[in-house]
Amino acid sequence: MTRIGVQAGARAETFSGLSGMGDLLLTATSEQSRNFRCGQLLAQGMSLDKILPQLDGVCEGVSTARAVHLDNAIPQESKPIVTQLHAVLYEGVPPREAVKNLLSRAPRGE
């Protein structure tokens, strides 16, 4: 998130506060989060078109993944997670395969 934000002109420290880490932690751990519930259902093998009507509102991560993936101003090497998330959401790649793709990348400095 920080690399993408900085590439888009944000300050890196913004992602260390509540608007960055706080939001990420809540999204990743709360069943009240639509993004969390969407991820759970994807992991269970449900398709996005079946998930979205069940979420009682907008799942911001779905449209954000597409927007970031398609944004050519952000270099591909800055968004490997978004690339794999887009593949799961919009290209039918199974989540397990997307994780394998991420873990098989060549190591590099963070």
N, C-alpha and C. Protein backbone atom coordinates (compact mmCIF):
# COMPACT_ATOMS: atom_id res chain seq x y z
N MET A 1 0.82 -1.18 0.00
CA MET A 1 0.00 0.00 0.00
C MET A 1 0.87 1.25 0.00
N THR A 2 1.92 1.22 0.78
CA THR A 2 2.78 2.39 0.87
C THR A 2 3.45 2.68 -0.46
N ARG A 3 3.98 1.64 -1.11
CA ARG A 3 4.65 1.85 -2.41
C ARG A 3 3.70 2.45 -3.43
N ILE A 4 2.49 1.94 -3.48
CA ILE A 4 1.52 2.46 -4.44
C ILE A 4 1.15 3.89 -4.10
N GLY A 5 0.92 4.16 -2.82
CA GLY A 5 0.57 5.51 -2.40
C GLY A 5 1.66 6.52 -2.69
N VAL A 6 2.89 6.16 -2.38
CA VAL A 6 4.02 7.05 -2.64
C VAL A 6 4.16 7.29 -4.14
N GLN A 7 4.01 6.24 -4.92
CA GLN A 7 4.09 6.37 -6.38
C GLN A 7 3.02 7.34 -6.89
N ALA A 8 1.88 7.38 -6.20
CA ALA A 8 0.78 8.25 -6.62
C ALA A 8 0.88 9.65 -6.00
N GLY A 9 1.93 9.89 -5.18
CA GLY A 9 2.15 11.23 -4.63
C GLY A 9 1.86 11.39 -3.16
N ALA A 10 1.47 10.33 -2.46
CA ALA A 10 1.20 10.41 -1.02
C ALA A 10 2.49 10.39 -0.22
N ARG A 11 2.40 10.75 1.03
CA ARG A 11 3.54 10.67 1.94
C ARG A 11 3.56 9.29 2.60
N ALA A 12 4.72 8.68 2.68
CA ALA A 12 4.84 7.32 3.22
C ALA A 12 4.31 7.23 4.65
N GLU A 13 4.54 8.24 5.47
CA GLU A 13 4.11 8.17 6.88
C GLU A 13 2.59 8.14 7.04
N THR A 14 1.86 8.55 6.03
CA THR A 14 0.39 8.48 6.08
C THR A 14 -0.06 7.05 6.28
N PHE A 15 0.65 6.11 5.72
CA PHE A 15 0.25 4.71 5.78
C PHE A 15 0.60 4.04 7.10
N SER A 16 1.33 4.74 7.97
CA SER A 16 1.69 4.20 9.28
C SER A 16 0.65 4.53 10.34
N GLY A 17 -0.23 5.47 10.07
CA GLY A 17 -1.22 5.91 11.05
C GLY A 17 -2.54 5.18 10.91
N LEU A 18 -3.57 5.78 11.53
CA LEU A 18 -4.90 5.16 11.53
C LEU A 18 -5.48 5.02 10.14
N SER A 19 -5.21 5.98 9.27
CA SER A 19 -5.78 5.91 7.93
C SER A 19 -5.15 4.80 7.10
N GLY A 20 -3.98 4.35 7.47
CA GLY A 20 -3.30 3.27 6.75
C GLY A 20 -3.37 1.96 7.50
N MET A 21 -2.54 1.83 8.52
CA MET A 21 -2.47 0.58 9.28
C MET A 21 -3.76 0.29 10.04
N GLY A 22 -4.36 1.33 10.59
CA GLY A 22 -5.61 1.12 11.33
C GLY A 22 -6.69 0.53 10.45
N ASP A 23 -6.85 1.12 9.27
CA ASP A 23 -7.85 0.61 8.34
C ASP A 23 -7.51 -0.79 7.87
N LEU A 24 -6.24 -1.03 7.59
CA LEU A 24 -5.82 -2.36 7.14
C LEU A 24 -6.09 -3.42 8.21
N LEU A 25 -5.76 -3.12 9.46
CA LEU A 25 -5.98 -4.10 10.53
C LEU A 25 -7.46 -4.40 10.72
N LEU A 26 -8.29 -3.37 10.70
CA LEU A 26 -9.73 -3.62 10.85
C LEU A 26 -10.27 -4.42 9.67
N THR A 27 -9.85 -4.06 8.47
CA THR A 27 -10.32 -4.76 7.28
C THR A 27 -9.90 -6.23 7.32
N ALA A 28 -8.71 -6.50 7.80
CA ALA A 28 -8.17 -7.86 7.78
C ALA A 28 -8.68 -8.73 8.92
N THR A 29 -9.29 -8.12 9.95
CA THR A 29 -9.65 -8.92 11.12
C THR A 29 -11.11 -8.85 11.53
N SER A 30 -11.89 -7.99 10.93
CA SER A 30 -13.27 -7.80 11.38
C SER A 30 -14.28 -8.40 10.41
N GLU A 31 -15.13 -9.26 10.93
CA GLU A 31 -16.18 -9.84 10.10
C GLU A 31 -17.23 -8.80 9.72
N GLN A 32 -17.18 -7.62 10.33
CA GLN A 32 -18.08 -6.53 9.94
C GLN A 32 -17.60 -5.84 8.68
N SER A 33 -16.35 -6.09 8.29
CA SER A 33 -15.79 -5.50 7.08
C SER A 33 -16.29 -6.24 5.84
N ARG A 34 -16.84 -5.50 4.90
CA ARG A 34 -17.29 -6.13 3.65
C ARG A 34 -16.10 -6.70 2.89
N ASN A 35 -14.94 -6.03 2.94
CA ASN A 35 -13.75 -6.56 2.28
C ASN A 35 -13.34 -7.90 2.90
N PHE A 36 -13.41 -7.99 4.22
CA PHE A 36 -13.07 -9.23 4.92
C PHE A 36 -14.03 -10.35 4.50
N ARG A 37 -15.33 -10.05 4.53
CA ARG A 37 -16.32 -11.07 4.16
C ARG A 37 -16.17 -11.48 2.71
N CYS A 38 -15.89 -10.54 1.83
CA CYS A 38 -15.66 -10.86 0.42
C CYS A 38 -14.48 -11.81 0.28
N GLY A 39 -13.40 -11.53 0.98
CA GLY A 39 -12.22 -12.39 0.94
C GLY A 39 -12.50 -13.79 1.45
N GLN A 40 -13.26 -13.87 2.54
CA GLN A 40 -13.61 -15.19 3.08
C GLN A 40 -14.39 -16.01 2.05
N LEU A 41 -15.36 -15.38 1.43
CA LEU A 41 -16.18 -16.10 0.45
C LEU A 41 -15.39 -16.47 -0.80
N LEU A 42 -14.47 -15.59 -1.22
CA LEU A 42 -13.60 -15.94 -2.35
C LEU A 42 -12.75 -17.16 -2.00
N ALA A 43 -12.22 -17.17 -0.77
CA ALA A 43 -11.39 -18.30 -0.33
C ALA A 43 -12.18 -19.60 -0.28
N GLN A 44 -13.48 -19.50 -0.09
CA GLN A 44 -14.34 -20.69 -0.06
C GLN A 44 -14.75 -21.12 -1.47
N GLY A 45 -14.30 -20.38 -2.49
CA GLY A 45 -14.57 -20.77 -3.86
C GLY A 45 -15.77 -20.10 -4.51
N MET A 46 -16.38 -19.16 -3.82
CA MET A 46 -17.54 -18.48 -4.39
C MET A 46 -17.07 -17.42 -5.38
N SER A 47 -17.84 -17.19 -6.43
CA SER A 47 -17.46 -16.20 -7.45
C SER A 47 -17.88 -14.80 -7.00
N LEU A 48 -17.20 -13.81 -7.54
CA LEU A 48 -17.46 -12.43 -7.19
C LEU A 48 -18.89 -12.02 -7.50
N ASP A 49 -19.43 -12.47 -8.62
CA ASP A 49 -20.80 -12.07 -8.96
C ASP A 49 -21.84 -12.67 -8.02
N LYS A 50 -21.51 -13.73 -7.32
CA LYS A 50 -22.41 -14.29 -6.31
C LYS A 50 -22.19 -13.64 -4.94
N ILE A 51 -20.97 -13.15 -4.69
CA ILE A 51 -20.62 -12.56 -3.40
C ILE A 51 -21.19 -11.15 -3.24
N LEU A 52 -20.99 -10.31 -4.23
CA LEU A 52 -21.33 -8.89 -4.10
C LEU A 52 -22.77 -8.63 -3.68
N PRO A 53 -23.76 -9.33 -4.21
CA PRO A 53 -25.14 -9.05 -3.77
C PRO A 53 -25.39 -9.39 -2.29
N GLN A 54 -24.54 -10.20 -1.67
CA GLN A 54 -24.72 -10.61 -0.28
C GLN A 54 -24.11 -9.65 0.72
N LEU A 55 -23.38 -8.65 0.28
CA LEU A 55 -22.55 -7.85 1.19
C LEU A 55 -23.23 -6.65 1.83
N ASP A 56 -24.45 -6.37 1.52
CA ASP A 56 -25.16 -5.24 2.15
C ASP A 56 -24.42 -3.92 2.00
N GLY A 57 -23.90 -3.65 0.83
CA GLY A 57 -23.20 -2.39 0.58
C GLY A 57 -22.03 -2.60 -0.36
N VAL A 58 -21.27 -1.55 -0.53
CA VAL A 58 -20.15 -1.56 -1.47
C VAL A 58 -18.92 -2.20 -0.83
N CYS A 59 -18.25 -3.03 -1.59
CA CYS A 59 -16.97 -3.61 -1.17
C CYS A 59 -15.88 -2.81 -1.87
N GLU A 60 -15.35 -1.81 -1.17
CA GLU A 60 -14.42 -0.86 -1.78
C GLU A 60 -13.19 -1.52 -2.39
N GLY A 61 -12.73 -2.59 -1.79
CA GLY A 61 -11.52 -3.25 -2.28
C GLY A 61 -11.66 -3.81 -3.68
N VAL A 62 -12.86 -4.19 -4.07
CA VAL A 62 -13.08 -4.78 -5.39
C VAL A 62 -12.82 -3.73 -6.48
N SER A 63 -13.44 -2.57 -6.36
CA SER A 63 -13.24 -1.54 -7.38
C SER A 63 -11.85 -0.91 -7.28
N THR A 64 -11.32 -0.83 -6.08
CA THR A 64 -9.96 -0.28 -5.91
C THR A 64 -8.92 -1.18 -6.55
N ALA A 65 -9.08 -2.49 -6.42
CA ALA A 65 -8.13 -3.43 -7.04
C ALA A 65 -8.11 -3.24 -8.55
N ARG A 66 -9.27 -3.07 -9.15
CA ARG A 66 -9.34 -2.87 -10.59
C ARG A 66 -8.69 -1.54 -10.98
N ALA A 67 -9.02 -0.48 -10.25
CA ALA A 67 -8.49 0.84 -10.58
C ALA A 67 -6.97 0.88 -10.47
N VAL A 68 -6.42 0.31 -9.41
CA VAL A 68 -4.96 0.30 -9.23
C VAL A 68 -4.30 -0.58 -10.29
N HIS A 69 -4.89 -1.73 -10.55
CA HIS A 69 -4.34 -2.63 -11.56
C HIS A 69 -4.26 -1.96 -12.93
N LEU A 70 -5.29 -1.21 -13.29
CA LEU A 70 -5.35 -0.58 -14.61
C LEU A 70 -4.60 0.75 -14.69
N ASP A 71 -4.15 1.27 -13.56
CA ASP A 71 -3.46 2.57 -13.53
C ASP A 71 -2.02 2.39 -14.02
N ASN A 72 -1.77 2.77 -15.25
CA ASN A 72 -0.43 2.60 -15.83
C ASN A 72 0.60 3.56 -15.26
N ALA A 73 0.17 4.55 -14.50
CA ALA A 73 1.12 5.45 -13.84
C ALA A 73 1.83 4.75 -12.68
N ILE A 74 1.25 3.66 -12.20
CA ILE A 74 1.86 2.88 -11.12
C ILE A 74 2.57 1.70 -11.76
N PRO A 75 3.89 1.62 -11.63
CA PRO A 75 4.64 0.53 -12.27
C PRO A 75 4.19 -0.85 -11.78
N GLN A 76 4.18 -1.81 -12.68
CA GLN A 76 3.79 -3.18 -12.35
C GLN A 76 4.56 -3.74 -11.16
N GLU A 77 5.86 -3.45 -11.08
CA GLU A 77 6.66 -4.02 -10.00
C GLU A 77 6.28 -3.44 -8.64
N SER A 78 5.50 -2.36 -8.62
CA SER A 78 5.05 -1.77 -7.36
C SER A 78 3.74 -2.36 -6.87
N LYS A 79 3.12 -3.23 -7.65
CA LYS A 79 1.80 -3.73 -7.27
C LYS A 79 1.59 -5.23 -7.50
N PRO A 80 2.50 -6.08 -7.03
CA PRO A 80 2.32 -7.52 -7.27
C PRO A 80 1.09 -8.09 -6.57
N ILE A 81 0.77 -7.61 -5.38
CA ILE A 81 -0.40 -8.13 -4.67
C ILE A 81 -1.68 -7.72 -5.40
N VAL A 82 -1.74 -6.47 -5.82
CA VAL A 82 -2.91 -5.99 -6.55
C VAL A 82 -3.08 -6.77 -7.86
N THR A 83 -1.98 -7.06 -8.52
CA THR A 83 -2.03 -7.82 -9.77
C THR A 83 -2.66 -9.19 -9.54
N GLN A 84 -2.25 -9.87 -8.48
CA GLN A 84 -2.81 -11.19 -8.19
C GLN A 84 -4.25 -11.09 -7.69
N LEU A 85 -4.56 -10.06 -6.92
CA LEU A 85 -5.93 -9.87 -6.47
C LEU A 85 -6.86 -9.62 -7.66
N HIS A 86 -6.40 -8.83 -8.60
CA HIS A 86 -7.18 -8.58 -9.81
C HIS A 86 -7.41 -9.90 -10.57
N ALA A 87 -6.39 -10.73 -10.61
CA ALA A 87 -6.52 -12.02 -11.30
C ALA A 87 -7.58 -12.89 -10.63
N VAL A 88 -7.63 -12.86 -9.31
CA VAL A 88 -8.65 -13.65 -8.59
C VAL A 88 -10.04 -13.06 -8.82
N LEU A 89 -10.15 -11.75 -8.69
CA LEU A 89 -11.46 -11.10 -8.78
C LEU A 89 -12.05 -11.12 -10.18
N TYR A 90 -11.20 -10.87 -11.18
CA TYR A 90 -11.72 -10.61 -12.53
C TYR A 90 -11.28 -11.60 -13.61
N GLU A 91 -10.32 -12.47 -13.30
CA GLU A 91 -9.81 -13.37 -14.33
C GLU A 91 -10.01 -14.84 -13.98
N GLY A 92 -10.67 -15.12 -12.86
CA GLY A 92 -10.97 -16.49 -12.50
C GLY A 92 -9.81 -17.30 -11.94
N VAL A 93 -8.73 -16.64 -11.56
CA VAL A 93 -7.60 -17.35 -10.97
C VAL A 93 -7.97 -17.77 -9.54
N PRO A 94 -7.80 -19.04 -9.19
CA PRO A 94 -8.10 -19.47 -7.83
C PRO A 94 -7.19 -18.78 -6.82
N PRO A 95 -7.71 -18.41 -5.64
CA PRO A 95 -6.88 -17.74 -4.63
C PRO A 95 -5.59 -18.50 -4.31
N ARG A 96 -5.67 -19.81 -4.22
CA ARG A 96 -4.47 -20.61 -3.90
C ARG A 96 -3.38 -20.41 -4.95
N GLU A 97 -3.78 -20.34 -6.21
CA GLU A 97 -2.81 -20.12 -7.30
C GLU A 97 -2.21 -18.71 -7.22
N ALA A 98 -3.04 -17.73 -6.87
CA ALA A 98 -2.54 -16.36 -6.75
C ALA A 98 -1.50 -16.26 -5.63
N VAL A 99 -1.75 -16.93 -4.53
CA VAL A 99 -0.77 -16.93 -3.43
C VAL A 99 0.52 -17.61 -3.87
N LYS A 100 0.42 -18.73 -4.58
CA LYS A 100 1.62 -19.40 -5.10
C LYS A 100 2.40 -18.46 -6.02
N ASN A 101 1.68 -17.73 -6.87
CA ASN A 101 2.35 -16.79 -7.77
C ASN A 101 3.12 -15.72 -6.99
N LEU A 102 2.53 -15.23 -5.92
CA LEU A 102 3.21 -14.23 -5.10
C LEU A 102 4.43 -14.82 -4.40
N LEU A 103 4.27 -16.01 -3.86
CA LEU A 103 5.37 -16.62 -3.11
C LEU A 103 6.50 -17.12 -4.01
N SER A 104 6.24 -17.28 -5.29
CA SER A 104 7.28 -17.76 -6.20
C SER A 104 8.07 -16.62 -6.83
N ARG A 105 7.74 -15.39 -6.49
CA ARG A 105 8.48 -14.24 -7.03
C ARG A 105 9.91 -14.27 -6.48
N ALA A 106 10.82 -13.73 -7.24
CA ALA A 106 12.21 -13.62 -6.79
C ALA A 106 12.29 -12.67 -5.59
N PRO A 107 13.07 -13.07 -4.59
CA PRO A 107 13.21 -12.20 -3.41
C PRO A 107 13.83 -10.85 -3.79
N ARG A 108 13.42 -9.82 -3.09
CA ARG A 108 14.00 -8.50 -3.30
C ARG A 108 13.87 -7.70 -2.02
N GLY A 109 14.65 -6.67 -1.90
CA GLY A 109 14.62 -5.82 -0.72
C GLY A 109 13.30 -5.09 -0.61
N GLU A 110 12.79 -5.00 0.56
CA GLU A 110 11.56 -4.25 0.80
C GLU A 110 11.95 -2.90 1.29
